[in-house]
Amino acid sequence: MLNKVPEVTIWFWVIKILCTTVGESFADWINMKLGVGLVNTAWIFTAVFVVVLAVQLRLKRYVPFPYWLTVVVVSVTGTLYTDILTDQLNVPLWISSAVFSVLLAVVFGTWWLRERTLSIHSVTTLPRESFYWLAVLVTFALGTATGDWTLELTGWSPGLSVLLPLGLIAAITALWRFGANPVLSFWLAYILTRPLGANIGDWLASPKVAQPGEPTGLALGTFTTSLIFLGLILATVIYLTVTRSDVTETYEAAHAAHAAQTTGDQRKERVGLAGFGVLAVATTGLLVWAHAQPHVGPAPETDATSTVHLAPGQAVKKFPPAKVAALKSLGSTSLRDAEAGNASGAHAAAQSLRDLWDADQASLQPLDNTGWTFLDAQMDRVLKTFGIDHPNPPMSPARQEAELNTLLTDMR
């Protein structure tokens, strides 16, 4: 089997960043805009990942289209896994970051003990390729967790947050050119492309004006952002397929490149390792300093109140029936689960209801600001009973059912 990973050229990094941006924006679009829900979206992409990975593993050499399709799908899947831990299971981001860091260390440790190399220039057997894709999946989940944790700590906007991973990647590149270990340099940069691409996606998709603590950007929306970047990925893949500029042609060429990169000045490698340590300390210091500065982070929403009182059904008269039906469907699902004693199901449906409501704000609020404000206040009371976006623990099922019934009556 020939090497299954493309040569690491500038095209590799360009398309990798494009894929990570799609992982952020496309997952958000399917989850929130289409109202599929976080868990259902994760199941869908897990199934798609299994299929495209099976196709990729059956190939005997690197082929651009199936390889980069697998990267796109795994970027979405890894993002969703972290989002489930954060939004569905309420796991703090620092715990997710620590867990995925340990998991990645275990993957790399097992890979090294079995194969004695972590170089992507030697992915020439099925076990090595399996380790490679498992490591890629975990790096996407880890990059998502650490990137979101950075935003939570600092309160930076997505546009400003682009500068941190971009600067770190530039520093790692400089250390690699100096003589730092190429394998370590590659994987550190690979992890950092995830928060870089995600921040670019959030910056492009977020509204220009938002509530305090919410991201702002260029207001392209998740669908448009996904479409643009999927188009750029397709164009790049077509170019690489035609030119074959990133293909390692032979087994010998792959190992020659590996040998050239793994032999070098040991002293420079030690200096490079020390440089990575300095980068880590400097980054930690920067985040501690930024966290100490006054900023508005993504704090839990406060109770929304409304002085407007509308008759049942009045608030949704100017809203598209299809959007109202989707909201009512999720509210009804949450109510049925609450009545049946399925607390986790009721919470999950309420979470999906919140996600869809937030995603529809830009289209619904301009149609009828009074109706939207009225429903938003009731929606907030529903969320509070589940402990969603509020610091309180979940309330009694009876309280949840009462607030859901009120909301469904208002949308009747």
Foldseek 3Di string as FASTA:
>chain_A
DAQADWADDPLVLVLLLLLLLLLQLVLLCVLAVVLCFLVSSLVVLVVVLVVLVVVSLPDQFHALPSVSVNSSSLLNNLLSVLCCVCAQVVPQLVVQLVVLVVVLVVLVVVLCVVPVDLDSLPRRDSVNVVSVSVNSSSLSNNLNSVLVVLCQLQVDALVVSLVVLVVVLVLLVVLVVLPAQPSVSVSVNSSSSNSNSNSVSCQCCADQDDDFQDHHHNNCHSVNSSVVSVVVSVVSSVVCNVVVPGGQDDRVSSVVVVVVRRDDDVVSNVVSVVSVVVSVVVVVVVSVVSSPDDGGHNAQDDQQDDPDDDAFQPLCPQPPPVLLVSLLVLLVQLLVCLVVVNLSRNLSSLSSSVSNLVSCCVPPCVRPVNSNSVLVNLNSQLCVCCVRSHPDHHHHSVSNNVSSVVSSRNND
